[in-house]
Amino acid sequence: FENFANFRYLFSQGAVCTKGCGMTVRNCVMHGSIEHAVDFYASSECLLEYCRIYDVSREFDDSGAVYLSSPMAYGSVLRYNDIGSSPGMANGIYLDDFCCGVKVYGNVIRNAGYFGIFIGGGRDLTIENNIITACWGGLRTDNRGLFWPAWKDKERCWAAWCKTFGLTNGSPFSVKYPQFANWWKKEASTPTLFT
């Protein structure tokens, strides 16, 4: 994929944009974009591996070369990718908006203008054996779950996720990932492992 980007409301589309379950992106080269290269939005059990990504997120600062969002990300894996050159204030890998249940390992992340990996309020994450170099910072986490207005009414926030993704506490997804069924009951946003 080269020089890709189609504008949508407030953002542009990346080379790969998904909303669903079980997508695999493997052995791709992606470069030359004003926004994300890969956008697994509200997608679970996705796999990104053996990809080379560079010169992306040129014009958006709340961005990442690889972008995942929402608690629905459980079961997704990002491994063995070479991610470089996200200029400006973009991240290499951006786990945004309570992104949960993702494993990130064995990646090389370099020359990102902001952080190599940015965790935005998520939990049940595994970040291990990545090489992060020549970025403004290596790893950042935040506590947006403690100050976002939606978090003040946790049950309403949870009900909105159920409505959006067709979930119930007894759904097959919440049975497979029991942590997901109770994510909103936890008080803090804490990743599980960093090495």
Protein backbone atom coordinates (compact mmCIF):
# COMPACT_ATOMS: atom_id res chain seq x y z
CA PHE A 1 0.00 0.00 0.00
CA GLU A 2 1.49 3.34 -1.01
CA ASN A 3 0.22 6.91 -0.68
CA PHE A 4 -3.18 5.89 0.62
CA ALA A 5 -5.75 8.02 2.45
CA ASN A 6 -9.39 8.82 1.94
CA PHE A 7 -10.97 11.50 4.10
CA ARG A 8 -13.91 10.67 6.31
CA TYR A 9 -15.49 12.80 9.02
CA LEU A 10 -12.63 14.42 10.98
CA PHE A 11 -10.13 11.72 9.99
CA SER A 12 -8.86 9.89 6.96
CA GLN A 13 -8.97 6.17 6.25
CA GLY A 14 -5.87 4.03 6.57
CA ALA A 15 -4.66 1.27 4.26
CA VAL A 16 -6.49 -1.29 6.42
CA CYS A 17 -9.66 -0.34 8.32
CA THR A 18 -11.75 -2.98 10.06
CA LYS A 19 -14.73 -3.20 12.34
CA GLY A 20 -15.42 -6.80 13.19
CA CYS A 21 -13.70 -9.94 14.39
CA GLY A 22 -10.84 -12.19 13.37
CA MET A 23 -9.08 -10.12 10.68
CA THR A 24 -5.46 -10.95 9.78
CA VAL A 25 -3.00 -8.53 8.17
CA ARG A 26 0.31 -10.19 7.32
CA ASN A 27 3.44 -9.50 5.24
CA CYS A 28 2.40 -6.03 4.03
CA VAL A 29 4.36 -2.85 3.37
CA MET A 30 2.40 0.34 4.06
CA HIS A 31 3.72 3.89 3.69
CA GLY A 32 2.86 7.39 2.58
CA SER A 33 -0.33 8.31 4.47
CA ILE A 34 -1.66 11.31 6.33
CA GLU A 35 -3.33 9.04 8.94
CA HIS A 36 -3.12 5.49 10.36
CA ALA A 37 -1.75 2.63 8.30
CA VAL A 38 -3.85 0.05 10.19
CA ASP A 39 -7.07 0.84 12.05
CA PHE A 40 -8.61 -2.09 13.97
CA TYR A 41 -11.54 -0.06 15.29
CA ALA A 42 -13.74 -1.94 17.77
CA SER A 43 -12.37 -5.18 16.32
CA SER A 44 -11.59 -8.29 18.35
CA GLU A 45 -9.22 -11.21 17.79
CA CYS A 46 -7.33 -9.44 15.00
CA LEU A 47 -3.73 -10.22 14.06
CA LEU A 48 -1.10 -7.89 12.61
CA GLU A 49 2.25 -9.54 11.91
CA TYR A 50 5.36 -9.27 9.73
CA CYS A 51 4.40 -5.85 8.36
CA ARG A 52 6.65 -2.90 7.51
CA ILE A 53 4.98 0.46 8.19
CA TYR A 54 6.62 3.85 7.71
CA ASP A 55 5.95 7.48 6.76
CA VAL A 56 2.36 7.51 8.02
CA SER A 57 0.28 9.75 10.31
CA ARG A 58 1.86 12.78 8.67
CA GLU A 59 -0.93 15.25 9.36
CA PHE A 60 -2.80 14.02 12.44
CA ASP A 61 -1.32 14.26 15.92
CA ASP A 62 -3.86 12.21 17.91
CA SER A 63 -2.90 9.22 15.85
CA GLY A 64 -0.75 6.14 15.49
CA ALA A 65 0.78 4.11 12.70
CA VAL A 66 -1.22 1.20 14.11
CA TYR A 67 -4.47 2.14 15.89
CA LEU A 68 -6.78 0.01 18.02
CA SER A 69 -9.76 1.32 19.94
CA SER A 70 -12.44 0.20 22.44
CA PRO A 71 -12.72 -2.53 25.08
CA MET A 72 -13.81 -4.86 22.24
CA ALA A 73 -10.19 -5.41 21.17
CA TYR A 74 -9.82 -8.54 23.34
CA GLY A 75 -7.83 -11.32 21.73
CA SER A 76 -5.99 -9.09 19.21
CA VAL A 77 -2.25 -9.55 18.69
CA LEU A 78 0.38 -7.21 17.20
CA ARG A 79 3.66 -9.05 16.69
CA TYR A 80 6.89 -9.00 14.67
CA ASN A 81 6.18 -5.72 12.87
CA ASP A 82 8.67 -3.02 11.83
CA ILE A 83 6.99 0.31 12.53
CA GLY A 84 8.88 3.51 11.83
CA SER A 85 8.60 7.13 10.92
CA SER A 86 5.34 8.48 12.29
CA PRO A 87 6.31 12.15 12.38
CA GLY A 88 4.77 14.98 14.36
CA MET A 89 2.95 13.94 17.52
CA ALA A 90 1.85 10.51 16.25
CA ASN A 91 2.49 7.24 18.09
CA GLY A 92 3.87 3.99 16.75
CA ILE A 93 1.11 1.84 18.28
CA TYR A 94 -1.90 3.62 19.79
CA LEU A 95 -4.21 1.55 22.01
CA ASP A 96 -6.91 4.18 22.39
CA ASP A 97 -10.19 4.68 24.25
CA PHE A 98 -10.11 1.82 26.79
CA CYS A 99 -8.54 -0.63 24.32
CA CYS A 100 -8.37 -3.89 26.28
CA GLY A 101 -7.08 -7.45 26.03
CA VAL A 102 -4.35 -6.90 23.39
CA LYS A 103 -0.92 -8.55 23.21
CA VAL A 104 1.90 -6.46 21.73
CA TYR A 105 5.24 -8.25 21.42
CA GLY A 106 8.31 -8.65 19.26
CA ASN A 107 7.86 -5.36 17.38
CA VAL A 108 10.48 -2.81 16.38
CA ILE A 109 9.13 0.73 16.76
CA ARG A 110 11.34 3.64 15.75
CA ASN A 111 11.26 7.30 14.80
CA ALA A 112 7.74 7.96 16.10
CA GLY A 113 7.22 11.62 16.85
CA TYR A 114 5.40 10.92 20.11
CA PHE A 115 5.42 7.56 21.95
CA GLY A 116 6.40 4.15 20.70
CA ILE A 117 3.33 2.69 22.44
CA PHE A 118 0.50 4.78 23.93
CA ILE A 119 -2.09 3.09 26.16
CA GLY A 120 -5.23 5.19 26.49
CA GLY A 121 -7.10 3.94 29.54
CA GLY A 122 -7.07 0.22 28.69
CA ARG A 123 -6.50 -2.85 30.81
CA ASP A 124 -5.73 -6.57 30.51
CA LEU A 125 -2.87 -5.72 28.14
CA THR A 126 0.43 -7.54 27.58
CA ILE A 127 3.34 -5.45 26.28
CA GLU A 128 6.61 -7.40 26.08
CA ASN A 129 9.85 -7.83 24.16
CA ASN A 130 9.43 -4.79 21.91
CA ILE A 131 12.31 -2.59 20.78
CA ILE A 132 11.43 1.11 20.93
CA THR A 133 14.04 3.60 19.78
CA ALA A 134 14.37 7.20 18.56
CA CYS A 135 10.85 8.11 19.73
CA TRP A 136 9.96 11.09 21.91
CA GLY A 137 9.03 8.54 24.60
CA GLY A 138 8.90 4.78 24.85
CA LEU A 139 5.64 3.93 26.59
CA ARG A 140 2.81 6.08 27.93
CA THR A 141 -0.28 5.16 29.89
CA ASP A 142 -3.03 7.46 31.06
CA ASN A 143 -5.93 7.30 33.48
CA ARG A 144 -8.69 8.62 31.25
CA GLY A 145 -11.06 6.12 32.85
CA LEU A 146 -10.91 8.19 36.00
CA PHE A 147 -11.86 11.53 34.50
CA TRP A 148 -13.93 10.96 31.35
CA PRO A 149 -17.57 12.02 31.85
CA ALA A 150 -18.80 8.61 30.63
CA TRP A 151 -16.88 6.90 33.42
CA LYS A 152 -18.83 8.78 36.10
CA ASP A 153 -21.87 6.69 35.18
CA LYS A 154 -20.24 3.30 34.63
CA GLU A 155 -23.45 1.33 34.18
CA ARG A 156 -24.67 3.73 31.50
CA CYS A 157 -21.30 3.48 29.74
CA TRP A 158 -21.48 -0.33 29.87
CA ALA A 159 -25.06 -0.31 28.55
CA ALA A 160 -23.90 1.82 25.61
CA TRP A 161 -21.18 -0.74 24.75
CA CYS A 162 -23.74 -3.57 24.95
CA LYS A 163 -26.07 -1.70 22.61
CA THR A 164 -23.32 -0.77 20.15
CA PHE A 165 -21.82 -4.26 19.92
CA GLY A 166 -24.87 -6.41 20.65
CA LEU A 167 -23.44 -7.80 23.88
CA THR A 168 -24.90 -9.16 27.07
CA ASN A 169 -23.08 -10.41 30.13
CA GLY A 170 -23.77 -13.96 28.97
CA SER A 171 -22.72 -13.46 25.34
CA PRO A 172 -20.22 -15.92 23.80
CA PHE A 173 -17.67 -13.10 23.67
CA SER A 174 -17.97 -12.28 27.36
CA VAL A 175 -17.85 -16.01 28.22
CA LYS A 176 -14.59 -16.40 26.26
CA TYR A 177 -13.16 -13.21 27.79
CA PRO A 178 -14.62 -13.04 31.30
CA GLN A 179 -12.42 -10.03 32.07
CA PHE A 180 -14.44 -8.08 29.50
CA ALA A 181 -17.74 -8.69 31.26
CA ASN A 182 -16.41 -6.91 34.34
CA TRP A 183 -14.02 -4.33 32.86
CA TRP A 184 -16.25 -1.41 33.77
CA LYS A 185 -16.36 -2.45 37.46
CA LYS A 186 -12.63 -1.92 37.95
CA GLU A 187 -11.50 1.31 39.53
CA ALA A 188 -8.26 2.03 37.70
CA SER A 189 -6.74 1.51 34.29
CA THR A 190 -3.74 -0.76 34.77
CA PRO A 191 -1.93 -2.84 32.15
CA THR A 192 -1.08 -6.32 33.36
CA LEU A 193 2.51 -6.79 32.22
CA PHE A 194 5.44 -4.79 30.93
CA THR A 195 8.82 -6.36 30.18
